[in-house]
């Protein structure tokens, strides 16, 4: 995620952008998929961040399709998993992974907040960022490989649930009361825009839908997929609180880190089943 917005001015809580404007905002900021963004203000950000899981659903499906095709054509589960991991990176221009690396560098710097934020804005990646990137990608590929080895259905569903969970973590990070670390950038544009009721509703909906999608695999599987979503969100929440304390708020990089951490955690939980 890049810091590409500079309109942090507050708007009345009741003000909402039309749903279509919000969907365009979500897809235009969270993916590279074509979306003609018509509004760049906070009402659009409010609706858009509430719609973030929908963008995750599309990304997850697009990631699962080539993985399943590779299995059908005789490829192994590791190859399918590697391609599935690569697709979301391509669909976000690697910005969420970049956010993870920058956030790791900022957290690991042991510098005051202002200096840590400057480190995060640099174009290079430090040792903490490299380690975070390598570990995240390895764990994601390994977990998906286990899922694909069990069945293509389980692998595809794991990819979709992880992608949706990643974007839901962004919705929760945009809720009321979460400050922006900078007066400009994407963090300032979306920080605090989503009402807590809307964030809770989105969470409940995703958990229930994940369980329902896995129900054909059995009741234990349904419970496992619901638990994976909740575990991913818990990991993201812990990281979010750490970042707010460390940086005095959130940035676009933090949102990217939350997405990667929540997706990775969800996949690990699913691999344990």
C-alpha atoms as a PDB file:
ATOM      1  CA  UNK A   1       0.000   0.000   0.000  1.00  0.00           C
ATOM      2  CA  UNK A   2       1.340   3.362  -0.871  1.00  0.00           C
ATOM      3  CA  UNK A   3       0.722   6.631   0.929  1.00  0.00           C
ATOM      4  CA  UNK A   4      -1.021   8.394  -1.947  1.00  0.00           C
ATOM      5  CA  UNK A   5      -3.718  10.407  -0.229  1.00  0.00           C
ATOM      6  CA  UNK A   6      -3.495  13.778   1.438  1.00  0.00           C
ATOM      7  CA  UNK A   7      -7.029  14.596   2.591  1.00  0.00           C
ATOM      8  CA  UNK A   8      -7.277  13.605   6.265  1.00  0.00           C
ATOM      9  CA  UNK A   9      -9.993  16.154   7.064  1.00  0.00           C
ATOM     10  CA  UNK A  10     -12.777  14.658   9.200  1.00  0.00           C
ATOM     11  CA  UNK A  11     -16.325  14.264   7.960  1.00  0.00           C
ATOM     12  CA  UNK A  12     -19.549  13.758   9.881  1.00  0.00           C
ATOM     13  CA  UNK A  13     -19.939  10.104  10.978  1.00  0.00           C
ATOM     14  CA  UNK A  14     -23.271   9.815   9.166  1.00  0.00           C
ATOM     15  CA  UNK A  15     -21.882  10.885   5.803  1.00  0.00           C
ATOM     16  CA  UNK A  16     -21.531   7.980   3.399  1.00  0.00           C
ATOM     17  CA  UNK A  17     -20.528   7.670  -0.211  1.00  0.00           C
ATOM     18  CA  UNK A  18     -22.703   5.597  -2.559  1.00  0.00           C
ATOM     19  CA  UNK A  19     -21.875   1.902  -2.519  1.00  0.00           C
ATOM     20  CA  UNK A  20     -20.502   1.931  -6.062  1.00  0.00           C
ATOM     21  CA  UNK A  21     -18.095   4.743  -5.199  1.00  0.00           C
ATOM     22  CA  UNK A  22     -16.960   2.755  -2.179  1.00  0.00           C
ATOM     23  CA  UNK A  23     -16.418  -0.412  -4.194  1.00  0.00           C
ATOM     24  CA  UNK A  24     -14.382   1.543  -6.722  1.00  0.00           C
ATOM     25  CA  UNK A  25     -12.335   3.024  -3.884  1.00  0.00           C
ATOM     26  CA  UNK A  26     -11.674  -0.433  -2.436  1.00  0.00           C
ATOM     27  CA  UNK A  27     -10.600  -2.000  -5.720  1.00  0.00           C
ATOM     28  CA  UNK A  28      -8.716   1.095  -6.860  1.00  0.00           C
ATOM     29  CA  UNK A  29      -6.620   1.351  -3.702  1.00  0.00           C
ATOM     30  CA  UNK A  30      -6.243  -2.292  -2.668  1.00  0.00           C
ATOM     31  CA  UNK A  31      -5.706  -3.922  -6.081  1.00  0.00           C
ATOM     32  CA  UNK A  32      -4.433  -3.148  -9.558  1.00  0.00           C
ATOM     33  CA  UNK A  33      -7.699  -4.309 -11.077  1.00  0.00           C
ATOM     34  CA  UNK A  34      -9.301  -1.651 -13.280  1.00  0.00           C
ATOM     35  CA  UNK A  35     -11.543   0.582 -11.205  1.00  0.00           C
ATOM     36  CA  UNK A  36     -12.470   4.129 -12.149  1.00  0.00           C
ATOM     37  CA  UNK A  37     -12.214   5.852  -8.788  1.00  0.00           C
ATOM     38  CA  UNK A  38     -14.771   8.648  -8.742  1.00  0.00           C
ATOM     39  CA  UNK A  39     -14.232   9.966  -5.203  1.00  0.00           C
ATOM     40  CA  UNK A  40     -11.084  10.385  -3.114  1.00  0.00           C
ATOM     41  CA  UNK A  41     -12.638  11.837   0.030  1.00  0.00           C
ATOM     42  CA  UNK A  42     -13.222  10.317   3.430  1.00  0.00           C
ATOM     43  CA  UNK A  43     -16.855   9.363   2.828  1.00  0.00           C
ATOM     44  CA  UNK A  44     -15.637   7.251  -0.098  1.00  0.00           C
ATOM     45  CA  UNK A  45     -12.873   5.850   2.104  1.00  0.00           C
ATOM     46  CA  UNK A  46     -15.460   4.981   4.775  1.00  0.00           C
ATOM     47  CA  UNK A  47     -17.577   2.971   2.365  1.00  0.00           C
ATOM     48  CA  UNK A  48     -14.545   1.628   0.529  1.00  0.00           C
ATOM     49  CA  UNK A  49     -12.760   0.231   3.568  1.00  0.00           C
ATOM     50  CA  UNK A  50     -15.990  -1.400   4.701  1.00  0.00           C
ATOM     51  CA  UNK A  51     -16.049  -3.085   1.263  1.00  0.00           C
ATOM     52  CA  UNK A  52     -12.397  -4.207   1.493  1.00  0.00           C
ATOM     53  CA  UNK A  53     -13.285  -7.893   2.085  1.00  0.00           C
ATOM     54  CA  UNK A  54     -15.061  -7.887  -1.280  1.00  0.00           C
ATOM     55  CA  UNK A  55     -11.797  -6.922  -2.958  1.00  0.00           C
ATOM     56  CA  UNK A  56     -10.168  -9.740  -1.013  1.00  0.00           C
ATOM     57  CA  UNK A  57     -12.741 -12.206  -2.327  1.00  0.00           C
ATOM     58  CA  UNK A  58     -11.919 -11.312  -5.927  1.00  0.00           C
ATOM     59  CA  UNK A  59      -8.171 -11.449  -5.297  1.00  0.00           C
ATOM     60  CA  UNK A  60      -8.530 -14.821  -3.577  1.00  0.00           C
ATOM     61  CA  UNK A  61     -10.525 -16.339  -6.411  1.00  0.00           C
ATOM     62  CA  UNK A  62      -8.062 -15.038  -8.993  1.00  0.00           C
ATOM     63  CA  UNK A  63      -5.218 -16.522  -6.935  1.00  0.00           C
ATOM     64  CA  UNK A  64      -6.883 -19.902  -6.545  1.00  0.00           C
ATOM     65  CA  UNK A  65      -7.730 -20.396 -10.228  1.00  0.00           C
ATOM     66  CA  UNK A  66      -4.159 -20.868 -11.563  1.00  0.00           C
ATOM     67  CA  UNK A  67      -3.265 -23.051  -8.576  1.00  0.00           C
ATOM     68  CA  UNK A  68      -6.171 -25.380  -9.270  1.00  0.00           C
ATOM     69  CA  UNK A  69      -5.393 -25.418 -13.002  1.00  0.00           C
ATOM     70  CA  UNK A  70      -1.807 -26.434 -12.309  1.00  0.00           C
ATOM     71  CA  UNK A  71      -2.997 -29.341 -10.179  1.00  0.00           C
ATOM     72  CA  UNK A  72      -5.432 -30.443 -12.880  1.00  0.00           C
ATOM     73  CA  UNK A  73      -2.636 -30.320 -15.450  1.00  0.00           C
ATOM     74  CA  UNK A  74      -0.408 -32.524 -13.309  1.00  0.00           C
ATOM     75  CA  UNK A  75       1.587 -29.977 -11.340  1.00  0.00           C
ATOM     76  CA  UNK A  76       2.521 -30.627  -7.751  1.00  0.00           C
ATOM     77  CA  UNK A  77       0.999 -28.931  -4.706  1.00  0.00           C
ATOM     78  CA  UNK A  78       4.126 -26.860  -4.031  1.00  0.00           C
ATOM     79  CA  UNK A  79       4.051 -25.394  -7.528  1.00  0.00           C
ATOM     80  CA  UNK A  80       0.345 -24.649  -7.193  1.00  0.00           C
ATOM     81  CA  UNK A  81       0.962 -23.006  -3.825  1.00  0.00           C
ATOM     82  CA  UNK A  82       3.839 -20.873  -5.114  1.00  0.00           C
ATOM     83  CA  UNK A  83       1.754 -19.540  -7.985  1.00  0.00           C
ATOM     84  CA  UNK A  84      -1.204 -18.920  -5.691  1.00  0.00           C
ATOM     85  CA  UNK A  85       1.024 -16.852  -3.392  1.00  0.00           C
ATOM     86  CA  UNK A  86       2.440 -14.931  -6.339  1.00  0.00           C
ATOM     87  CA  UNK A  87      -0.917 -13.816  -7.727  1.00  0.00           C
ATOM     88  CA  UNK A  88      -1.963 -11.545  -4.815  1.00  0.00           C
ATOM     89  CA  UNK A  89       1.489  -9.993  -4.892  1.00  0.00           C
ATOM     90  CA  UNK A  90       1.034  -9.231  -8.579  1.00  0.00           C
ATOM     91  CA  UNK A  91      -2.498  -7.927  -8.060  1.00  0.00           C
ATOM     92  CA  UNK A  92      -1.207  -5.419  -5.481  1.00  0.00           C
ATOM     93  CA  UNK A  93       2.089  -4.605  -7.234  1.00  0.00           C
ATOM     94  CA  UNK A  94       3.755  -6.126  -4.188  1.00  0.00           C
ATOM     95  CA  UNK A  95       2.726  -3.141  -2.083  1.00  0.00           C
ATOM     96  CA  UNK A  96       1.365  -5.178   0.826  1.00  0.00           C
ATOM     97  CA  UNK A  97       4.605  -7.129   0.965  1.00  0.00           C
ATOM     98  CA  UNK A  98       6.517  -3.867   0.763  1.00  0.00           C
ATOM     99  CA  UNK A  99       4.399  -2.570   3.638  1.00  0.00           C
ATOM    100  CA  UNK A 100       5.275  -5.647   5.679  1.00  0.00           C
ATOM    101  CA  UNK A 101       8.986  -5.121   5.037  1.00  0.00           C
ATOM    102  CA  UNK A 102       8.870  -1.391   5.822  1.00  0.00           C
ATOM    103  CA  UNK A 103       6.857  -1.958   8.991  1.00  0.00           C
ATOM    104  CA  UNK A 104       9.303  -4.630  10.149  1.00  0.00           C
ATOM    105  CA  UNK A 105      12.180  -2.225   9.570  1.00  0.00           C
ATOM    106  CA  UNK A 106      10.379   0.524  11.458  1.00  0.00           C
ATOM    107  CA  UNK A 107       9.512  -1.707  14.411  1.00  0.00           C
ATOM    108  CA  UNK A 108      12.987  -3.197  14.519  1.00  0.00           C
ATOM    109  CA  UNK A 109      14.811   0.113  14.331  1.00  0.00           C
ATOM    110  CA  UNK A 110      14.388   0.968  18.041  1.00  0.00           C
ATOM    111  CA  UNK A 111      14.272   4.621  16.971  1.00  0.00           C
ATOM    112  CA  UNK A 112      11.801   7.300  18.101  1.00  0.00           C
ATOM    113  CA  UNK A 113       8.504   7.392  16.202  1.00  0.00           C
ATOM    114  CA  UNK A 114       9.453  10.202  13.825  1.00  0.00           C
ATOM    115  CA  UNK A 115      12.725   8.574  12.844  1.00  0.00           C
ATOM    116  CA  UNK A 116      11.121   5.140  12.532  1.00  0.00           C
ATOM    117  CA  UNK A 117       8.548   6.616  10.140  1.00  0.00           C
ATOM    118  CA  UNK A 118      11.357   8.116   8.056  1.00  0.00           C
ATOM    119  CA  UNK A 119      13.007   4.699   7.897  1.00  0.00           C
ATOM    120  CA  UNK A 120       9.741   3.220   6.648  1.00  0.00           C
ATOM    121  CA  UNK A 121       9.537   5.774   3.843  1.00  0.00           C
ATOM    122  CA  UNK A 122      12.938   4.875   2.437  1.00  0.00           C
ATOM    123  CA  UNK A 123      13.019   2.953  -0.826  1.00  0.00           C
ATOM    124  CA  UNK A 124      15.486   0.349   0.414  1.00  0.00           C
ATOM    125  CA  UNK A 125      14.677  -2.652   2.601  1.00  0.00           C
ATOM    126  CA  UNK A 126      16.640  -3.356   5.757  1.00  0.00           C
ATOM    127  CA  UNK A 127      17.486  -6.694   7.396  1.00  0.00           C
ATOM    128  CA  UNK A 128      14.289  -6.849   9.462  1.00  0.00           C
ATOM    129  CA  UNK A 129      12.245  -6.308   6.316  1.00  0.00           C
ATOM    130  CA  UNK A 130      14.087  -8.992   4.370  1.00  0.00           C
ATOM    131  CA  UNK A 131      13.585 -11.556   7.123  1.00  0.00           C
ATOM    132  CA  UNK A 132       9.880 -10.681   7.441  1.00  0.00           C
ATOM    133  CA  UNK A 133       9.355 -11.009   3.683  1.00  0.00           C
ATOM    134  CA  UNK A 134      11.155 -14.329   3.363  1.00  0.00           C
ATOM    135  CA  UNK A 135       9.395 -15.864   6.350  1.00  0.00           C
ATOM    136  CA  UNK A 136       5.946 -14.675   5.278  1.00  0.00           C
ATOM    137  CA  UNK A 137       6.284 -15.993   1.733  1.00  0.00           C
ATOM    138  CA  UNK A 138       7.778 -19.300   2.857  1.00  0.00           C
ATOM    139  CA  UNK A 139       5.086 -19.903   5.451  1.00  0.00           C
ATOM    140  CA  UNK A 140       2.290 -18.958   3.043  1.00  0.00           C
ATOM    141  CA  UNK A 141       3.613 -21.271   0.327  1.00  0.00           C
ATOM    142  CA  UNK A 142       4.201 -24.146   2.764  1.00  0.00           C
ATOM    143  CA  UNK A 143       0.737 -23.844   4.293  1.00  0.00           C
ATOM    144  CA  UNK A 144      -0.981 -23.672   0.914  1.00  0.00           C
ATOM    145  CA  UNK A 145       1.057 -26.616  -0.318  1.00  0.00           C
ATOM    146  CA  UNK A 146      -0.316 -28.707   2.537  1.00  0.00           C
ATOM    147  CA  UNK A 147      -3.842 -27.594   1.671  1.00  0.00           C
ATOM    148  CA  UNK A 148      -3.445 -28.389  -2.040  1.00  0.00           C
ATOM    149  CA  UNK A 149      -1.906 -31.751  -1.187  1.00  0.00           C
ATOM    150  CA  UNK A 150      -5.118 -32.643   0.637  1.00  0.00           C
ATOM    151  CA  UNK A 151      -7.422 -31.527  -2.198  1.00  0.00           C
ATOM    152  CA  UNK A 152      -7.795 -28.770  -4.734  1.00  0.00           C
ATOM    153  CA  UNK A 153     -10.995 -27.672  -3.014  1.00  0.00           C
ATOM    154  CA  UNK A 154      -9.273 -27.202   0.313  1.00  0.00           C
ATOM    155  CA  UNK A 155      -6.374 -25.359  -1.318  1.00  0.00           C
ATOM    156  CA  UNK A 156      -8.608 -23.034  -3.278  1.00  0.00           C
ATOM    157  CA  UNK A 157     -10.807 -22.302  -0.283  1.00  0.00           C
ATOM    158  CA  UNK A 158      -7.750 -21.600   1.872  1.00  0.00           C
ATOM    159  CA  UNK A 159      -6.478 -19.091  -0.684  1.00  0.00           C
ATOM    160  CA  UNK A 160      -9.815 -17.293  -0.806  1.00  0.00           C
ATOM    161  CA  UNK A 161     -10.306 -17.215   2.967  1.00  0.00           C
ATOM    162  CA  UNK A 162      -6.773 -15.901   3.518  1.00  0.00           C
ATOM    163  CA  UNK A 163      -7.255 -13.105   0.976  1.00  0.00           C
ATOM    164  CA  UNK A 164     -10.592 -12.057   2.460  1.00  0.00           C
ATOM    165  CA  UNK A 165      -9.171 -12.151   5.987  1.00  0.00           C
ATOM    166  CA  UNK A 166      -6.283  -9.949   4.883  1.00  0.00           C
ATOM    167  CA  UNK A 167      -8.633  -7.229   3.625  1.00  0.00           C
ATOM    168  CA  UNK A 168     -10.962  -7.597   6.603  1.00  0.00           C
ATOM    169  CA  UNK A 169      -7.968  -6.827   8.820  1.00  0.00           C
ATOM    170  CA  UNK A 170      -7.685  -3.524   6.948  1.00  0.00           C
ATOM    171  CA  UNK A 171     -11.358  -2.803   7.590  1.00  0.00           C
ATOM    172  CA  UNK A 172     -10.840  -3.321  11.320  1.00  0.00           C
ATOM    173  CA  UNK A 173      -7.697  -1.173  11.272  1.00  0.00           C
ATOM    174  CA  UNK A 174      -9.785   1.652   9.754  1.00  0.00           C
ATOM    175  CA  UNK A 175     -12.294   1.662  12.606  1.00  0.00           C
ATOM    176  CA  UNK A 176     -13.157   4.589  14.848  1.00  0.00           C
ATOM    177  CA  UNK A 177     -10.445   5.513  17.318  1.00  0.00           C
ATOM    178  CA  UNK A 178      -7.407   4.379  15.300  1.00  0.00           C
ATOM    179  CA  UNK A 179      -5.256   7.468  14.588  1.00  0.00           C
ATOM    180  CA  UNK A 180      -3.045   8.192  11.610  1.00  0.00           C
ATOM    181  CA  UNK A 181       0.708   8.386  12.188  1.00  0.00           C
ATOM    182  CA  UNK A 182       1.119  11.114   9.572  1.00  0.00           C
ATOM    183  CA  UNK A 183      -1.102  14.027   8.530  1.00  0.00           C
ATOM    184  CA  UNK A 184      -0.911  12.821   4.938  1.00  0.00           C
ATOM    185  CA  UNK A 185      -0.917   9.537   3.090  1.00  0.00           C
ATOM    186  CA  UNK A 186      -3.256   6.596   2.863  1.00  0.00           C
ATOM    187  CA  UNK A 187      -3.195   6.038   6.610  1.00  0.00           C
ATOM    188  CA  UNK A 188      -4.546   9.553   7.158  1.00  0.00           C
ATOM    189  CA  UNK A 189      -7.187   9.049   4.476  1.00  0.00           C
ATOM    190  CA  UNK A 190      -8.669   5.898   5.990  1.00  0.00           C
ATOM    191  CA  UNK A 191      -7.776   6.030   9.693  1.00  0.00           C
ATOM    192  CA  UNK A 192     -10.880   6.081  11.847  1.00  0.00           C
ATOM    193  CA  UNK A 193     -13.364   6.142   8.964  1.00  0.00           C
ATOM    194  CA  UNK A 194     -15.199   2.856   9.548  1.00  0.00           C
ATOM    195  CA  UNK A 195     -17.793   2.865  12.356  1.00  0.00           C
ATOM    196  CA  UNK A 196     -17.202   0.130  14.906  1.00  0.00           C
ATOM    197  CA  UNK A 197     -20.634  -1.357  14.248  1.00  0.00           C
ATOM    198  CA  UNK A 198     -19.832  -1.680  10.544  1.00  0.00           C
ATOM    199  CA  UNK A 199     -16.453  -3.264  11.333  1.00  0.00           C
ATOM    200  CA  UNK A 200     -18.067  -5.762  13.702  1.00  0.00           C
ATOM    201  CA  UNK A 201     -20.771  -6.564  11.160  1.00  0.00           C
ATOM    202  CA  UNK A 202     -18.187  -7.202   8.443  1.00  0.00           C
ATOM    203  CA  UNK A 203     -16.246  -9.471  10.800  1.00  0.00           C
ATOM    204  CA  UNK A 204     -19.294 -11.527  11.722  1.00  0.00           C
ATOM    205  CA  UNK A 205     -20.298 -11.845   8.082  1.00  0.00           C
ATOM    206  CA  UNK A 206     -16.872 -13.060   6.964  1.00  0.00           C
ATOM    207  CA  UNK A 207     -16.585 -15.584   9.811  1.00  0.00           C
ATOM    208  CA  UNK A 208     -20.027 -17.018   9.069  1.00  0.00           C
ATOM    209  CA  UNK A 209     -19.437 -17.128   5.310  1.00  0.00           C
ATOM    210  CA  UNK A 210     -16.059 -18.831   5.756  1.00  0.00           C
ATOM    211  CA  UNK A 211     -17.681 -21.484   7.927  1.00  0.00           C
ATOM    212  CA  UNK A 212     -20.557 -21.923   5.479  1.00  0.00           C
ATOM    213  CA  UNK A 213     -18.170 -22.279   2.523  1.00  0.00           C
ATOM    214  CA  UNK A 214     -16.265 -25.038   4.334  1.00  0.00           C
ATOM    215  CA  UNK A 215     -19.355 -26.822   5.618  1.00  0.00           C
ATOM    216  CA  UNK A 216     -19.436 -29.286   2.655  1.00  0.00           C
ATOM    217  CA  UNK A 217     -16.030 -30.490   3.908  1.00  0.00           C
ATOM    218  CA  UNK A 218     -17.576 -31.344   7.266  1.00  0.00           C
ATOM    219  CA  UNK A 219     -18.492 -29.603  10.495  1.00  0.00           C
ATOM    220  CA  UNK A 220     -14.930 -29.703  11.889  1.00  0.00           C
ATOM    221  CA  UNK A 221     -13.688 -28.033   8.715  1.00  0.00           C
ATOM    222  CA  UNK A 222     -16.308 -25.306   9.041  1.00  0.00           C
ATOM    223  CA  UNK A 223     -15.139 -24.595  12.566  1.00  0.00           C
ATOM    224  CA  UNK A 224     -11.507 -24.603  11.450  1.00  0.00           C
ATOM    225  CA  UNK A 225     -12.093 -22.045   8.699  1.00  0.00           C
ATOM    226  CA  UNK A 226     -13.996 -19.771  11.061  1.00  0.00           C
ATOM    227  CA  UNK A 227     -11.167 -20.121  13.578  1.00  0.00           C
ATOM    228  CA  UNK A 228      -8.624 -19.290  10.856  1.00  0.00           C
ATOM    229  CA  UNK A 229     -10.349 -15.988  10.148  1.00  0.00           C
ATOM    230  CA  UNK A 230     -10.482 -15.112  13.842  1.00  0.00           C
ATOM    231  CA  UNK A 231      -6.846 -16.109  14.380  1.00  0.00           C
ATOM    232  CA  UNK A 232      -5.749 -13.977  11.443  1.00  0.00           C
ATOM    233  CA  UNK A 233      -7.662 -11.006  12.804  1.00  0.00           C
ATOM    234  CA  UNK A 234      -6.212 -11.517  16.282  1.00  0.00           C
ATOM    235  CA  UNK A 235      -2.662 -11.529  14.907  1.00  0.00           C
ATOM    236  CA  UNK A 236      -3.416  -8.371  12.932  1.00  0.00           C
ATOM    237  CA  UNK A 237      -4.945  -6.705  15.989  1.00  0.00           C
ATOM    238  CA  UNK A 238      -1.859  -7.419  18.069  1.00  0.00           C
ATOM    239  CA  UNK A 239       0.354  -5.957  15.356  1.00  0.00           C
ATOM    240  CA  UNK A 240      -1.967  -2.972  14.965  1.00  0.00           C
ATOM    241  CA  UNK A 241      -1.780  -2.138  18.664  1.00  0.00           C
ATOM    242  CA  UNK A 242       1.986  -2.458  18.588  1.00  0.00           C
ATOM    243  CA  UNK A 243       2.222  -0.114  15.613  1.00  0.00           C
ATOM    244  CA  UNK A 244      -0.117   2.467  17.144  1.00  0.00           C
ATOM    245  CA  UNK A 245       2.000   2.516  20.291  1.00  0.00           C
ATOM    246  CA  UNK A 246       5.265   2.554  18.342  1.00  0.00           C
ATOM    247  CA  UNK A 247       4.382   5.012  15.559  1.00  0.00           C
ATOM    248  CA  UNK A 248       1.539   6.921  17.255  1.00  0.00           C
ATOM    249  CA  UNK A 249      -0.848   5.686  14.571  1.00  0.00           C
ATOM    250  CA  UNK A 250      -1.146   3.825  11.289  1.00  0.00           C
ATOM    251  CA  UNK A 251       0.313   4.347   7.841  1.00  0.00           C
ATOM    252  CA  UNK A 252      -0.237   2.746   4.466  1.00  0.00           C
ATOM    253  CA  UNK A 253       2.719   0.460   5.195  1.00  0.00           C
ATOM    254  CA  UNK A 254       1.077  -0.701   8.406  1.00  0.00           C
ATOM    255  CA  UNK A 255      -2.077  -1.618   6.489  1.00  0.00           C
ATOM    256  CA  UNK A 256       0.003  -3.731   4.109  1.00  0.00           C
ATOM    257  CA  UNK A 257       1.724  -5.448   7.033  1.00  0.00           C
ATOM    258  CA  UNK A 258      -1.614  -6.196   8.686  1.00  0.00           C
ATOM    259  CA  UNK A 259      -2.866  -7.816   5.483  1.00  0.00           C
ATOM    260  CA  UNK A 260       0.160 -10.085   5.134  1.00  0.00           C
ATOM    261  CA  UNK A 261       0.281 -11.074   8.811  1.00  0.00           C
ATOM    262  CA  UNK A 262      -3.418 -11.896   8.965  1.00  0.00           C
ATOM    263  CA  UNK A 263      -3.317 -13.924   5.733  1.00  0.00           C
ATOM    264  CA  UNK A 264      -0.239 -15.848   6.874  1.00  0.00           C
ATOM    265  CA  UNK A 265      -1.778 -16.616  10.258  1.00  0.00           C
ATOM    266  CA  UNK A 266      -5.030 -17.814   8.705  1.00  0.00           C
ATOM    267  CA  UNK A 267      -3.125 -20.144   6.378  1.00  0.00           C
ATOM    268  CA  UNK A 268      -1.103 -21.586   9.246  1.00  0.00           C
ATOM    269  CA  UNK A 269      -4.277 -22.395  11.173  1.00  0.00           C
ATOM    270  CA  UNK A 270      -5.763 -24.089   8.105  1.00  0.00           C
ATOM    271  CA  UNK A 271      -2.590 -26.111   7.590  1.00  0.00           C
ATOM    272  CA  UNK A 272      -2.936 -27.538  11.097  1.00  0.00           C
ATOM    273  CA  UNK A 273      -6.201 -29.277  10.251  1.00  0.00           C
END
